[in-house]
Amino acid sequence: MDIWQKKLPSQLLAAINAGSGSGNLALFLRDILTEKEITEIAARLEAARLLDSGASYDAVRAATALSTRTIARISLWKKQGAGGYAAVLAQLPISNTHHSHISPAPAE
């Protein structure tokens, strides 16, 4: 069963959708997530962006402080997941890509 078909996850998704439409998403997320959780999720999104740009795991780790295991999991989800990272990253403004100093991974 798809996780979003279950009652509680479905309710969460509906709340996120309602918050984004009303402009209150940041307030809602701040109330339900700790600062550490917000930072962790933001770091995962940045890791996905950096991996898309060709950054090495070491460069991603240095920029995000995520473990290499988490970075590897993000890489796997980007390749075999539901496509959420790609969909969201495609909608982010270019100006949000502020880590241009990170060198891409060497070609193998």
N, C-alpha and C. Protein backbone atom coordinates (compact mmCIF):
# COMPACT_ATOMS: atom_id res chain seq x y z
N MET A 1 0.84 -1.19 0.00
CA MET A 1 0.00 0.00 0.00
C MET A 1 0.89 1.25 0.00
N ASP A 2 0.53 2.19 -0.81
CA ASP A 2 1.22 3.48 -0.87
C ASP A 2 1.08 4.19 0.47
N ILE A 3 2.18 4.69 1.01
CA ILE A 3 2.18 5.36 2.32
C ILE A 3 1.15 6.48 2.39
N TRP A 4 0.94 7.19 1.27
CA TRP A 4 0.01 8.33 1.27
C TRP A 4 -1.44 7.90 1.26
N GLN A 5 -1.72 6.59 1.13
CA GLN A 5 -3.08 6.08 1.20
C GLN A 5 -3.51 5.78 2.64
N LYS A 6 -2.53 5.73 3.52
CA LYS A 6 -2.83 5.50 4.94
C LYS A 6 -3.38 6.78 5.56
N LYS A 7 -4.20 6.63 6.59
CA LYS A 7 -4.92 7.76 7.17
C LYS A 7 -4.01 8.90 7.65
N LEU A 8 -3.06 8.62 8.51
CA LEU A 8 -2.24 9.69 9.09
C LEU A 8 -1.32 10.35 8.06
N PRO A 9 -0.60 9.57 7.23
CA PRO A 9 0.20 10.23 6.21
C PRO A 9 -0.66 11.05 5.23
N SER A 10 -1.83 10.54 4.90
CA SER A 10 -2.73 11.26 4.02
C SER A 10 -3.16 12.59 4.64
N GLN A 11 -3.43 12.56 5.93
CA GLN A 11 -3.80 13.78 6.66
C GLN A 11 -2.64 14.78 6.67
N LEU A 12 -1.42 14.28 6.85
CA LEU A 12 -0.24 15.15 6.82
C LEU A 12 -0.09 15.79 5.44
N LEU A 13 -0.22 15.01 4.40
CA LEU A 13 -0.09 15.54 3.05
C LEU A 13 -1.15 16.60 2.77
N ALA A 14 -2.37 16.35 3.21
CA ALA A 14 -3.46 17.33 3.04
C ALA A 14 -3.12 18.63 3.79
N ALA A 15 -2.56 18.51 4.98
CA ALA A 15 -2.20 19.70 5.76
C ALA A 15 -1.09 20.48 5.07
N ILE A 16 -0.10 19.79 4.52
CA ILE A 16 0.99 20.46 3.81
C ILE A 16 0.44 21.18 2.58
N ASN A 17 -0.42 20.49 1.84
CA ASN A 17 -1.03 21.12 0.67
C ASN A 17 -1.86 22.33 1.05
N ALA A 18 -2.61 22.24 2.13
CA ALA A 18 -3.43 23.37 2.59
C ALA A 18 -2.54 24.53 3.03
N GLY A 19 -1.46 24.22 3.71
CA GLY A 19 -0.54 25.26 4.18
C GLY A 19 0.15 25.97 3.05
N SER A 20 0.52 25.23 2.00
CA SER A 20 1.22 25.86 0.88
C SER A 20 0.29 26.77 0.10
N GLY A 21 -0.97 26.42 0.02
CA GLY A 21 -1.93 27.25 -0.69
C GLY A 21 -2.30 28.51 0.06
N SER A 22 -2.20 28.46 1.38
CA SER A 22 -2.60 29.60 2.19
C SER A 22 -1.43 30.49 2.58
N GLY A 23 -0.21 30.08 2.24
CA GLY A 23 0.96 30.85 2.63
C GLY A 23 1.42 30.58 4.05
N ASN A 24 0.85 29.58 4.69
CA ASN A 24 1.20 29.28 6.08
C ASN A 24 2.06 28.04 6.24
N LEU A 25 2.64 27.56 5.15
CA LEU A 25 3.41 26.32 5.22
C LEU A 25 4.60 26.45 6.16
N ALA A 26 5.32 27.55 6.10
CA ALA A 26 6.49 27.72 6.98
C ALA A 26 6.06 27.70 8.44
N LEU A 27 4.94 28.32 8.75
CA LEU A 27 4.45 28.32 10.13
C LEU A 27 4.07 26.91 10.57
N PHE A 28 3.38 26.19 9.68
CA PHE A 28 2.98 24.82 9.99
C PHE A 28 4.19 23.92 10.20
N LEU A 29 5.14 23.99 9.27
CA LEU A 29 6.34 23.15 9.39
C LEU A 29 7.12 23.47 10.65
N ARG A 30 7.19 24.74 11.01
CA ARG A 30 7.92 25.12 12.22
C ARG A 30 7.24 24.57 13.47
N ASP A 31 5.92 24.47 13.44
CA ASP A 31 5.20 23.93 14.59
C ASP A 31 5.32 22.42 14.71
N ILE A 32 5.41 21.71 13.59
CA ILE A 32 5.42 20.24 13.68
C ILE A 32 6.83 19.64 13.66
N LEU A 33 7.82 20.43 13.24
CA LEU A 33 9.19 19.92 13.16
C LEU A 33 10.08 20.67 14.14
N THR A 34 11.09 19.99 14.65
CA THR A 34 12.09 20.66 15.46
C THR A 34 13.06 21.40 14.54
N GLU A 35 13.83 22.30 15.09
CA GLU A 35 14.84 22.99 14.28
C GLU A 35 15.82 21.99 13.68
N LYS A 36 16.17 20.97 14.44
CA LYS A 36 17.09 19.95 13.95
C LYS A 36 16.48 19.20 12.76
N GLU A 37 15.19 18.87 12.82
CA GLU A 37 14.54 18.18 11.72
C GLU A 37 14.47 19.06 10.47
N ILE A 38 14.17 20.34 10.66
CA ILE A 38 14.15 21.27 9.52
C ILE A 38 15.52 21.35 8.87
N THR A 39 16.55 21.47 9.70
CA THR A 39 17.92 21.54 9.19
C THR A 39 18.30 20.26 8.47
N GLU A 40 17.91 19.11 9.00
CA GLU A 40 18.24 17.82 8.38
C GLU A 40 17.55 17.68 7.02
N ILE A 41 16.29 18.04 6.95
CA ILE A 41 15.55 17.94 5.68
C ILE A 41 16.14 18.91 4.66
N ALA A 42 16.46 20.12 5.11
CA ALA A 42 17.07 21.11 4.21
C ALA A 42 18.42 20.62 3.70
N ALA A 43 19.19 19.97 4.57
CA ALA A 43 20.49 19.43 4.16
C ALA A 43 20.32 18.31 3.14
N ARG A 44 19.28 17.50 3.28
CA ARG A 44 19.03 16.43 2.32
C ARG A 44 18.68 17.01 0.95
N LEU A 45 17.88 18.06 0.94
CA LEU A 45 17.54 18.71 -0.33
C LEU A 45 18.80 19.31 -0.97
N GLU A 46 19.63 19.95 -0.16
CA GLU A 46 20.88 20.52 -0.69
C GLU A 46 21.79 19.41 -1.20
N ALA A 47 21.83 18.28 -0.51
CA ALA A 47 22.65 17.16 -0.98
C ALA A 47 22.16 16.69 -2.35
N ALA A 48 20.86 16.59 -2.52
CA ALA A 48 20.31 16.18 -3.81
C ALA A 48 20.70 17.18 -4.89
N ARG A 49 20.62 18.46 -4.58
CA ARG A 49 20.99 19.49 -5.55
C ARG A 49 22.47 19.39 -5.91
N LEU A 50 23.30 19.20 -4.90
CA LEU A 50 24.74 19.08 -5.14
C LEU A 50 25.08 17.84 -5.96
N LEU A 51 24.41 16.72 -5.65
CA LEU A 51 24.63 15.50 -6.43
C LEU A 51 24.22 15.72 -7.88
N ASP A 52 23.12 16.44 -8.10
CA ASP A 52 22.71 16.77 -9.47
C ASP A 52 23.76 17.58 -10.20
N SER A 53 24.47 18.43 -9.46
CA SER A 53 25.48 19.28 -10.08
C SER A 53 26.80 18.54 -10.30
N GLY A 54 26.87 17.28 -9.86
CA GLY A 54 28.07 16.48 -10.07
C GLY A 54 29.06 16.50 -8.92
N ALA A 55 28.66 17.06 -7.79
CA ALA A 55 29.56 17.12 -6.63
C ALA A 55 29.86 15.72 -6.11
N SER A 56 31.04 15.54 -5.59
CA SER A 56 31.45 14.26 -5.00
C SER A 56 30.79 14.09 -3.64
N TYR A 57 30.75 12.86 -3.15
CA TYR A 57 30.21 12.62 -1.81
C TYR A 57 30.98 13.43 -0.77
N ASP A 58 32.29 13.52 -0.91
CA ASP A 58 33.09 14.30 0.05
C ASP A 58 32.69 15.76 0.04
N ALA A 59 32.46 16.32 -1.14
CA ALA A 59 32.05 17.73 -1.23
C ALA A 59 30.65 17.92 -0.64
N VAL A 60 29.76 16.97 -0.88
CA VAL A 60 28.41 17.05 -0.33
C VAL A 60 28.47 16.94 1.19
N ARG A 61 29.28 16.03 1.68
CA ARG A 61 29.44 15.86 3.14
C ARG A 61 29.98 17.13 3.77
N ALA A 62 30.96 17.74 3.14
CA ALA A 62 31.55 18.97 3.67
C ALA A 62 30.54 20.12 3.68
N ALA A 63 29.68 20.18 2.68
CA ALA A 63 28.72 21.28 2.58
C ALA A 63 27.49 21.09 3.46
N THR A 64 27.15 19.83 3.76
CA THR A 64 25.88 19.56 4.45
C THR A 64 26.04 18.92 5.83
N ALA A 65 27.19 18.37 6.12
CA ALA A 65 27.45 17.63 7.36
C ALA A 65 26.64 16.34 7.45
N LEU A 66 26.09 15.88 6.33
CA LEU A 66 25.39 14.60 6.31
C LEU A 66 26.40 13.46 6.25
N SER A 67 26.01 12.31 6.74
CA SER A 67 26.88 11.14 6.67
C SER A 67 26.93 10.64 5.23
N THR A 68 28.00 9.94 4.89
CA THR A 68 28.09 9.38 3.55
C THR A 68 26.98 8.35 3.32
N ARG A 69 26.55 7.68 4.37
CA ARG A 69 25.44 6.72 4.24
C ARG A 69 24.16 7.45 3.83
N THR A 70 23.88 8.59 4.46
CA THR A 70 22.69 9.37 4.10
C THR A 70 22.81 9.89 2.68
N ILE A 71 23.99 10.35 2.30
CA ILE A 71 24.21 10.86 0.94
C ILE A 71 24.00 9.74 -0.07
N ALA A 72 24.50 8.55 0.23
CA ALA A 72 24.30 7.41 -0.67
C ALA A 72 22.82 7.06 -0.79
N ARG A 73 22.08 7.15 0.32
CA ARG A 73 20.65 6.88 0.29
C ARG A 73 19.92 7.92 -0.56
N ILE A 74 20.31 9.18 -0.44
CA ILE A 74 19.71 10.24 -1.27
C ILE A 74 20.00 9.97 -2.74
N SER A 75 21.22 9.60 -3.05
CA SER A 75 21.59 9.28 -4.43
C SER A 75 20.73 8.13 -4.96
N LEU A 76 20.53 7.11 -4.15
CA LEU A 76 19.70 5.97 -4.55
C LEU A 76 18.25 6.41 -4.76
N TRP A 77 17.70 7.20 -3.84
CA TRP A 77 16.32 7.67 -3.98
C TRP A 77 16.15 8.53 -5.22
N LYS A 78 17.18 9.32 -5.54
CA LYS A 78 17.11 10.15 -6.74
C LYS A 78 17.02 9.28 -7.99
N LYS A 79 17.68 8.13 -7.95
CA LYS A 79 17.70 7.24 -9.11
C LYS A 79 16.50 6.29 -9.14
N GLN A 80 16.09 5.80 -7.97
CA GLN A 80 15.07 4.76 -7.92
C GLN A 80 13.82 5.15 -7.14
N GLY A 81 13.74 6.39 -6.70
CA GLY A 81 12.60 6.82 -5.89
C GLY A 81 11.42 7.23 -6.74
N ALA A 82 10.55 8.02 -6.14
CA ALA A 82 9.30 8.44 -6.79
C ALA A 82 9.48 9.66 -7.69
N GLY A 83 10.68 10.24 -7.73
CA GLY A 83 10.92 11.41 -8.57
C GLY A 83 10.68 12.73 -7.87
N GLY A 84 10.49 12.67 -6.58
CA GLY A 84 10.21 13.88 -5.81
C GLY A 84 11.35 14.88 -5.79
N TYR A 85 12.57 14.39 -5.62
CA TYR A 85 13.71 15.31 -5.61
C TYR A 85 13.80 16.06 -6.94
N ALA A 86 13.71 15.34 -8.04
CA ALA A 86 13.83 15.98 -9.36
C ALA A 86 12.72 16.98 -9.58
N ALA A 87 11.50 16.64 -9.17
CA ALA A 87 10.37 17.55 -9.36
C ALA A 87 10.54 18.83 -8.58
N VAL A 88 11.00 18.72 -7.34
CA VAL A 88 11.17 19.91 -6.50
C VAL A 88 12.38 20.72 -6.95
N LEU A 89 13.48 20.06 -7.23
CA LEU A 89 14.69 20.79 -7.64
C LEU A 89 14.46 21.55 -8.94
N ALA A 90 13.65 21.00 -9.84
CA ALA A 90 13.36 21.67 -11.10
C ALA A 90 12.58 22.97 -10.90
N GLN A 91 11.90 23.08 -9.78
CA GLN A 91 11.09 24.27 -9.51
C GLN A 91 11.82 25.32 -8.68
N LEU A 92 12.98 24.97 -8.13
CA LEU A 92 13.72 25.94 -7.32
C LEU A 92 14.41 26.96 -8.20
N PRO A 93 14.38 28.22 -7.79
CA PRO A 93 15.10 29.25 -8.56
C PRO A 93 16.60 28.98 -8.57
N ILE A 94 17.24 29.34 -9.65
CA ILE A 94 18.69 29.18 -9.77
C ILE A 94 19.40 29.92 -8.66
N SER A 95 18.85 31.04 -8.20
CA SER A 95 19.50 31.85 -7.17
C SER A 95 19.66 31.10 -5.86
N ASN A 96 18.93 30.00 -5.67
CA ASN A 96 19.07 29.22 -4.45
C ASN A 96 20.31 28.33 -4.48
N THR A 97 20.98 28.26 -5.60
CA THR A 97 22.16 27.40 -5.71
C THR A 97 23.39 28.21 -5.32
N HIS A 98 23.61 28.35 -4.03
CA HIS A 98 24.66 29.22 -3.51
C HIS A 98 25.96 28.51 -3.20
N HIS A 99 26.08 27.25 -3.51
CA HIS A 99 27.32 26.52 -3.23
C HIS A 99 28.11 26.28 -4.51
N SER A 100 28.22 27.29 -5.35
CA SER A 100 28.89 27.11 -6.62
C SER A 100 30.39 26.85 -6.47
N HIS A 101 30.92 27.02 -5.26
CA HIS A 101 32.34 26.77 -5.04
C HIS A 101 32.67 25.28 -4.94
N ILE A 102 31.69 24.43 -4.92
CA ILE A 102 31.93 22.99 -4.77
C ILE A 102 32.26 22.42 -6.13
N SER A 103 33.37 21.72 -6.19
CA SER A 103 33.83 21.14 -7.44
C SER A 103 33.07 19.87 -7.76
N PRO A 104 32.77 19.65 -9.02
CA PRO A 104 32.12 18.39 -9.39
C PRO A 104 33.04 17.21 -9.15
N ALA A 105 32.44 16.04 -9.01
CA ALA A 105 33.22 14.83 -8.85
C ALA A 105 34.00 14.56 -10.12
N PRO A 106 35.20 14.03 -9.99
CA PRO A 106 35.97 13.72 -11.20
C PRO A 106 35.26 12.64 -12.02
N ALA A 107 35.38 12.73 -13.32
CA ALA A 107 34.78 11.74 -14.21
C ALA A 107 35.45 10.40 -14.01
N GLU A 108 34.64 9.36 -14.04
CA GLU A 108 35.21 8.01 -13.84
C GLU A 108 35.39 7.30 -15.16
